[in-house]
Amino acid sequence: MYTKNAILILLFASVSKTLSAQPADVASQLMESNKLYAVIAVFAVILVGLFVFLFYLEQRIRKLEQDNQ
């Protein structure tokens, strides 16, 4: 159990060090090259798709529950 926790702590520490090693002006670089809008658009499409999928899944589950009763 302790070994597992130690491995997880080392993993999270190394990931946080890797993420913090990126330069702070990444957003400004994306803004200058007009790629920030593309990133936002892709994120929005993925988010909308996820919500549509969850809504569709909820409708199917509700129908199955009604058919089961």
PDB file of N, CA and C in Angstrom:
ATOM      1  N   MET A   1       0.823  -1.185   0.000  1.00  0.00           N
ATOM      2  CA  MET A   1       0.000   0.000   0.000  1.00  0.00           C
ATOM      3  C   MET A   1       0.870   1.254   0.000  1.00  0.00           C
ATOM      4  N   TYR A   2       1.899   1.265   0.825  1.00  0.00           N
ATOM      5  CA  TYR A   2       2.774   2.427   0.892  1.00  0.00           C
ATOM      6  C   TYR A   2       3.562   2.597  -0.395  1.00  0.00           C
ATOM      7  N   THR A   3       3.937   1.494  -1.014  1.00  0.00           N
ATOM      8  CA  THR A   3       4.676   1.557  -2.265  1.00  0.00           C
ATOM      9  C   THR A   3       3.815   2.179  -3.356  1.00  0.00           C
ATOM     10  N   LYS A   4       2.545   1.782  -3.371  1.00  0.00           N
ATOM     11  CA  LYS A   4       1.617   2.323  -4.361  1.00  0.00           C
ATOM     12  C   LYS A   4       1.443   3.832  -4.178  1.00  0.00           C
ATOM     13  N   ASN A   5       1.309   4.275  -2.943  1.00  0.00           N
ATOM     14  CA  ASN A   5       1.168   5.706  -2.669  1.00  0.00           C
ATOM     15  C   ASN A   5       2.432   6.467  -3.046  1.00  0.00           C
ATOM     16  N   ALA A   6       3.580   5.886  -2.776  1.00  0.00           N
ATOM     17  CA  ALA A   6       4.843   6.546  -3.115  1.00  0.00           C
ATOM     18  C   ALA A   6       4.993   6.685  -4.625  1.00  0.00           C
ATOM     19  N   ILE A   7       4.608   5.658  -5.361  1.00  0.00           N
ATOM     20  CA  ILE A   7       4.691   5.720  -6.818  1.00  0.00           C
ATOM     21  C   ILE A   7       3.750   6.794  -7.354  1.00  0.00           C
ATOM     22  N   LEU A   8       2.541   6.868  -6.805  1.00  0.00           N
ATOM     23  CA  LEU A   8       1.583   7.887  -7.241  1.00  0.00           C
ATOM     24  C   LEU A   8       2.075   9.294  -6.930  1.00  0.00           C
ATOM     25  N   ILE A   9       2.670   9.484  -5.777  1.00  0.00           N
ATOM     26  CA  ILE A   9       3.196  10.800  -5.415  1.00  0.00           C
ATOM     27  C   ILE A   9       4.323  11.202  -6.362  1.00  0.00           C
ATOM     28  N   LEU A  10       5.213  10.271  -6.672  1.00  0.00           N
ATOM     29  CA  LEU A  10       6.302  10.572  -7.607  1.00  0.00           C
ATOM     30  C   LEU A  10       5.773  10.863  -9.006  1.00  0.00           C
ATOM     31  N   LEU A  11       4.754  10.132  -9.421  1.00  0.00           N
ATOM     32  CA  LEU A  11       4.156  10.362 -10.731  1.00  0.00           C
ATOM     33  C   LEU A  11       3.533  11.751 -10.810  1.00  0.00           C
ATOM     34  N   PHE A  12       2.746  12.122  -9.807  1.00  0.00           N
ATOM     35  CA  PHE A  12       2.104  13.430  -9.801  1.00  0.00           C
ATOM     36  C   PHE A  12       3.139  14.554  -9.710  1.00  0.00           C
ATOM     37  N   ALA A  13       4.184  14.341  -8.946  1.00  0.00           N
ATOM     38  CA  ALA A  13       5.227  15.356  -8.829  1.00  0.00           C
ATOM     39  C   ALA A  13       5.941  15.552 -10.162  1.00  0.00           C
ATOM     40  N   SER A  14       6.236  14.473 -10.852  1.00  0.00           N
ATOM     41  CA  SER A  14       6.930  14.597 -12.139  1.00  0.00           C
ATOM     42  C   SER A  14       6.027  15.231 -13.190  1.00  0.00           C
ATOM     43  N   VAL A  15       4.742  14.915 -13.164  1.00  0.00           N
ATOM     44  CA  VAL A  15       3.817  15.519 -14.120  1.00  0.00           C
ATOM     45  C   VAL A  15       3.681  17.012 -13.850  1.00  0.00           C
ATOM     46  N   SER A  16       3.584  17.390 -12.581  1.00  0.00           N
ATOM     47  CA  SER A  16       3.448  18.813 -12.270  1.00  0.00           C
ATOM     48  C   SER A  16       4.709  19.579 -12.660  1.00  0.00           C
ATOM     49  N   LYS A  17       5.875  18.980 -12.489  1.00  0.00           N
ATOM     50  CA  LYS A  17       7.123  19.631 -12.906  1.00  0.00           C
ATOM     51  C   LYS A  17       7.166  19.788 -14.420  1.00  0.00           C
ATOM     52  N   THR A  18       6.687  18.788 -15.139  1.00  0.00           N
ATOM     53  CA  THR A  18       6.683  18.854 -16.597  1.00  0.00           C
ATOM     54  C   THR A  18       5.741  19.941 -17.081  1.00  0.00           C
ATOM     55  N   LEU A  19       4.565  20.031 -16.476  1.00  0.00           N
ATOM     56  CA  LEU A  19       3.594  21.032 -16.902  1.00  0.00           C
ATOM     57  C   LEU A  19       4.037  22.446 -16.545  1.00  0.00           C
ATOM     58  N   SER A  20       4.704  22.605 -15.447  1.00  0.00           N
ATOM     59  CA  SER A  20       5.137  23.935 -15.058  1.00  0.00           C
ATOM     60  C   SER A  20       6.376  24.374 -15.835  1.00  0.00           C
ATOM     61  N   ALA A  21       7.018  23.469 -16.546  1.00  0.00           N
ATOM     62  CA  ALA A  21       8.211  23.819 -17.307  1.00  0.00           C
ATOM     63  C   ALA A  21       7.874  24.545 -18.600  1.00  0.00           C
ATOM     64  N   GLN A  22       6.600  24.571 -18.987  1.00  0.00           N
ATOM     65  CA  GLN A  22       6.207  25.271 -20.203  1.00  0.00           C
ATOM     66  C   GLN A  22       6.299  26.771 -19.984  1.00  0.00           C
ATOM     67  N   PRO A  23       6.623  27.503 -21.029  1.00  0.00           N
ATOM     68  CA  PRO A  23       6.721  28.958 -20.874  1.00  0.00           C
ATOM     69  C   PRO A  23       5.360  29.571 -20.560  1.00  0.00           C
ATOM     70  N   ALA A  24       5.380  30.671 -19.845  1.00  0.00           N
ATOM     71  CA  ALA A  24       4.154  31.305 -19.394  1.00  0.00           C
ATOM     72  C   ALA A  24       3.447  32.054 -20.506  1.00  0.00           C
ATOM     73  N   ASP A  25       4.131  32.337 -21.587  1.00  0.00           N
ATOM     74  CA  ASP A  25       3.526  33.121 -22.647  1.00  0.00           C
ATOM     75  C   ASP A  25       2.972  32.272 -23.775  1.00  0.00           C
ATOM     76  N   VAL A  26       2.544  31.055 -23.490  1.00  0.00           N
ATOM     77  CA  VAL A  26       1.972  30.182 -24.506  1.00  0.00           C
ATOM     78  C   VAL A  26       0.687  30.791 -25.048  1.00  0.00           C
ATOM     79  N   ALA A  27      -0.145  31.348 -24.173  1.00  0.00           N
ATOM     80  CA  ALA A  27      -1.401  31.945 -24.611  1.00  0.00           C
ATOM     81  C   ALA A  27      -1.147  33.143 -25.521  1.00  0.00           C
ATOM     82  N   SER A  28      -0.156  33.946 -25.208  1.00  0.00           N
ATOM     83  CA  SER A  28       0.132  35.103 -26.060  1.00  0.00           C
ATOM     84  C   SER A  28       0.687  34.671 -27.417  1.00  0.00           C
ATOM     85  N   GLN A  29       1.463  33.600 -27.435  1.00  0.00           N
ATOM     86  CA  GLN A  29       1.959  33.085 -28.713  1.00  0.00           C
ATOM     87  C   GLN A  29       0.817  32.563 -29.568  1.00  0.00           C
ATOM     88  N   LEU A  30      -0.132  31.860 -28.933  1.00  0.00           N
ATOM     89  CA  LEU A  30      -1.288  31.364 -29.671  1.00  0.00           C
ATOM     90  C   LEU A  30      -2.156  32.516 -30.161  1.00  0.00           C
ATOM     91  N   MET A  31      -2.272  33.560 -29.355  1.00  0.00           N
ATOM     92  CA  MET A  31      -3.077  34.716 -29.727  1.00  0.00           C
ATOM     93  C   MET A  31      -2.455  35.452 -30.913  1.00  0.00           C
ATOM     94  N   GLU A  32      -1.139  35.579 -30.917  1.00  0.00           N
ATOM     95  CA  GLU A  32      -0.450  36.274 -32.010  1.00  0.00           C
ATOM     96  C   GLU A  32      -0.598  35.529 -33.331  1.00  0.00           C
ATOM     97  N   SER A  33      -0.595  34.215 -33.286  1.00  0.00           N
ATOM     98  CA  SER A  33      -0.693  33.436 -34.521  1.00  0.00           C
ATOM     99  C   SER A  33      -2.136  33.044 -34.836  1.00  0.00           C
ATOM    100  N   ASN A  34      -3.098  33.595 -34.106  1.00  0.00           N
ATOM    101  CA  ASN A  34      -4.539  33.337 -34.298  1.00  0.00           C
ATOM    102  C   ASN A  34      -4.906  31.870 -34.170  1.00  0.00           C
ATOM    103  N   LYS A  35      -4.130  31.119 -33.445  1.00  0.00           N
ATOM    104  CA  LYS A  35      -4.453  29.715 -33.213  1.00  0.00           C
ATOM    105  C   LYS A  35      -5.293  29.530 -31.961  1.00  0.00           C
ATOM    106  N   LEU A  36      -5.363  30.554 -31.138  1.00  0.00           N
ATOM    107  CA  LEU A  36      -6.144  30.459 -29.914  1.00  0.00           C
ATOM    108  C   LEU A  36      -7.612  30.245 -30.228  1.00  0.00           C
ATOM    109  N   TYR A  37      -8.090  30.908 -31.273  1.00  0.00           N
ATOM    110  CA  TYR A  37      -9.491  30.750 -31.670  1.00  0.00           C
ATOM    111  C   TYR A  37      -9.776  29.326 -32.138  1.00  0.00           C
ATOM    112  N   ALA A  38      -8.821  28.710 -32.796  1.00  0.00           N
ATOM    113  CA  ALA A  38      -8.992  27.328 -33.238  1.00  0.00           C
ATOM    114  C   ALA A  38      -9.044  26.388 -32.037  1.00  0.00           C
ATOM    115  N   VAL A  39      -8.209  26.634 -31.049  1.00  0.00           N
ATOM    116  CA  VAL A  39      -8.205  25.805 -29.837  1.00  0.00           C
ATOM    117  C   VAL A  39      -9.545  25.942 -29.107  1.00  0.00           C
ATOM    118  N   ILE A  40     -10.038  27.163 -29.007  1.00  0.00           N
ATOM    119  CA  ILE A  40     -11.322  27.395 -28.336  1.00  0.00           C
ATOM    120  C   ILE A  40     -12.452  26.733 -29.115  1.00  0.00           C
ATOM    121  N   ALA A  41     -12.414  26.819 -30.442  1.00  0.00           N
ATOM    122  CA  ALA A  41     -13.457  26.205 -31.268  1.00  0.00           C
ATOM    123  C   ALA A  41     -13.462  24.690 -31.119  1.00  0.00           C
ATOM    124  N   VAL A  42     -12.293  24.078 -31.131  1.00  0.00           N
ATOM    125  CA  VAL A  42     -12.215  22.617 -30.974  1.00  0.00           C
ATOM    126  C   VAL A  42     -12.719  22.207 -29.602  1.00  0.00           C
ATOM    127  N   PHE A  43     -12.329  22.962 -28.573  1.00  0.00           N
ATOM    128  CA  PHE A  43     -12.796  22.665 -27.221  1.00  0.00           C
ATOM    129  C   PHE A  43     -14.317  22.789 -27.132  1.00  0.00           C
ATOM    130  N   ALA A  44     -14.883  23.810 -27.752  1.00  0.00           N
ATOM    131  CA  ALA A  44     -16.332  24.004 -27.724  1.00  0.00           C
ATOM    132  C   ALA A  44     -17.052  22.878 -28.447  1.00  0.00           C
ATOM    133  N   VAL A  45     -16.531  22.439 -29.578  1.00  0.00           N
ATOM    134  CA  VAL A  45     -17.154  21.343 -30.327  1.00  0.00           C
ATOM    135  C   VAL A  45     -17.124  20.054 -29.509  1.00  0.00           C
ATOM    136  N   ILE A  46     -16.013  19.783 -28.865  1.00  0.00           N
ATOM    137  CA  ILE A  46     -15.908  18.581 -28.037  1.00  0.00           C
ATOM    138  C   ILE A  46     -16.882  18.653 -26.866  1.00  0.00           C
ATOM    139  N   LEU A  47     -16.982  19.821 -26.237  1.00  0.00           N
ATOM    140  CA  LEU A  47     -17.885  19.986 -25.107  1.00  0.00           C
ATOM    141  C   LEU A  47     -19.343  19.837 -25.520  1.00  0.00           C
ATOM    142  N   VAL A  48     -19.726  20.440 -26.628  1.00  0.00           N
ATOM    143  CA  VAL A  48     -21.101  20.317 -27.119  1.00  0.00           C
ATOM    144  C   VAL A  48     -21.393  18.868 -27.486  1.00  0.00           C
ATOM    145  N   GLY A  49     -20.461  18.209 -28.133  1.00  0.00           N
ATOM    146  CA  GLY A  49     -20.644  16.802 -28.481  1.00  0.00           C
ATOM    147  C   GLY A  49     -20.821  15.926 -27.256  1.00  0.00           C
ATOM    148  N   LEU A  50     -20.082  16.214 -26.213  1.00  0.00           N
ATOM    149  CA  LEU A  50     -20.210  15.457 -24.975  1.00  0.00           C
ATOM    150  C   LEU A  50     -21.583  15.651 -24.351  1.00  0.00           C
ATOM    151  N   PHE A  51     -22.059  16.901 -24.322  1.00  0.00           N
ATOM    152  CA  PHE A  51     -23.385  17.160 -23.763  1.00  0.00           C
ATOM    153  C   PHE A  51     -24.486  16.516 -24.589  1.00  0.00           C
ATOM    154  N   VAL A  52     -24.369  16.546 -25.905  1.00  0.00           N
ATOM    155  CA  VAL A  52     -25.371  15.904 -26.765  1.00  0.00           C
ATOM    156  C   VAL A  52     -25.373  14.400 -26.518  1.00  0.00           C
ATOM    157  N   PHE A  53     -24.213  13.812 -26.418  1.00  0.00           N
ATOM    158  CA  PHE A  53     -24.127  12.375 -26.154  1.00  0.00           C
ATOM    159  C   PHE A  53     -24.758  12.026 -24.814  1.00  0.00           C
ATOM    160  N   LEU A  54     -24.471  12.805 -23.775  1.00  0.00           N
ATOM    161  CA  LEU A  54     -25.045  12.530 -22.462  1.00  0.00           C
ATOM    162  C   LEU A  54     -26.560  12.692 -22.472  1.00  0.00           C
ATOM    163  N   PHE A  55     -27.068  13.690 -23.179  1.00  0.00           N
ATOM    164  CA  PHE A  55     -28.513  13.879 -23.289  1.00  0.00           C
ATOM    165  C   PHE A  55     -29.148  12.692 -23.999  1.00  0.00           C
ATOM    166  N   TYR A  56     -28.546  12.245 -25.102  1.00  0.00           N
ATOM    167  CA  TYR A  56     -29.047  11.090 -25.848  1.00  0.00           C
ATOM    168  C   TYR A  56     -29.018   9.831 -24.985  1.00  0.00           C
ATOM    169  N   LEU A  57     -27.951   9.652 -24.242  1.00  0.00           N
ATOM    170  CA  LEU A  57     -27.825   8.485 -23.373  1.00  0.00           C
ATOM    171  C   LEU A  57     -28.880   8.505 -22.274  1.00  0.00           C
ATOM    172  N   GLU A  58     -29.138   9.682 -21.713  1.00  0.00           N
ATOM    173  CA  GLU A  58     -30.163   9.813 -20.681  1.00  0.00           C
ATOM    174  C   GLU A  58     -31.542   9.468 -21.237  1.00  0.00           C
ATOM    175  N   GLN A  59     -31.832   9.893 -22.452  1.00  0.00           N
ATOM    176  CA  GLN A  59     -33.120   9.580 -23.074  1.00  0.00           C
ATOM    177  C   GLN A  59     -33.277   8.076 -23.282  1.00  0.00           C
ATOM    178  N   ARG A  60     -32.224   7.418 -23.725  1.00  0.00           N
ATOM    179  CA  ARG A  60     -32.293   5.964 -23.938  1.00  0.00           C
ATOM    180  C   ARG A  60     -32.461   5.220 -22.622  1.00  0.00           C
ATOM    181  N   ILE A  61     -31.762   5.671 -21.584  1.00  0.00           N
ATOM    182  CA  ILE A  61     -31.881   5.020 -20.270  1.00  0.00           C
ATOM    183  C   ILE A  61     -33.289   5.195 -19.731  1.00  0.00           C
ATOM    184  N   ARG A  62     -33.839   6.408 -19.870  1.00  0.00           N
ATOM    185  CA  ARG A  62     -35.201   6.665 -19.408  1.00  0.00           C
ATOM    186  C   ARG A  62     -36.198   5.772 -20.140  1.00  0.00           C
ATOM    187  N   LYS A  63     -36.022   5.596 -21.465  1.00  0.00           N
ATOM    188  CA  LYS A  63     -36.919   4.738 -22.241  1.00  0.00           C
ATOM    189  C   LYS A  63     -36.797   3.280 -21.791  1.00  0.00           C
ATOM    190  N   LEU A  64     -35.584   2.820 -21.555  1.00  0.00           N
ATOM    191  CA  LEU A  64     -35.403   1.441 -21.094  1.00  0.00           C
ATOM    192  C   LEU A  64     -36.019   1.221 -19.718  1.00  0.00           C
ATOM    193  N   GLU A  65     -35.910   2.222 -18.839  1.00  0.00           N
ATOM    194  CA  GLU A  65     -36.528   2.099 -17.522  1.00  0.00           C
ATOM    195  C   GLU A  65     -38.041   2.041 -17.617  1.00  0.00           C
ATOM    196  N   GLN A  66     -38.618   2.824 -18.521  1.00  0.00           N
ATOM    197  CA  GLN A  66     -40.067   2.803 -18.688  1.00  0.00           C
ATOM    198  C   GLN A  66     -40.533   1.484 -19.300  1.00  0.00           C
ATOM    199  N   ASP A  67     -39.772   0.949 -20.232  1.00  0.00           N
ATOM    200  CA  ASP A  67     -40.124  -0.340 -20.854  1.00  0.00           C
ATOM    201  C   ASP A  67     -39.986  -1.475 -19.861  1.00  0.00           C
ATOM    202  N   ASN A  68     -39.074  -1.348 -18.921  1.00  0.00           N
ATOM    203  CA  ASN A  68     -38.822  -2.401 -17.938  1.00  0.00           C
ATOM    204  C   ASN A  68     -39.936  -2.492 -16.906  1.00  0.00           C
ATOM    205  N   GLN A  69     -40.625  -1.403 -16.650  1.00  0.00           N
ATOM    206  CA  GLN A  69     -41.674  -1.415 -15.627  1.00  0.00           C
ATOM    207  C   GLN A  69     -42.935  -1.916 -16.146  1.00  0.00           C
TER     208      GLN A  69
END
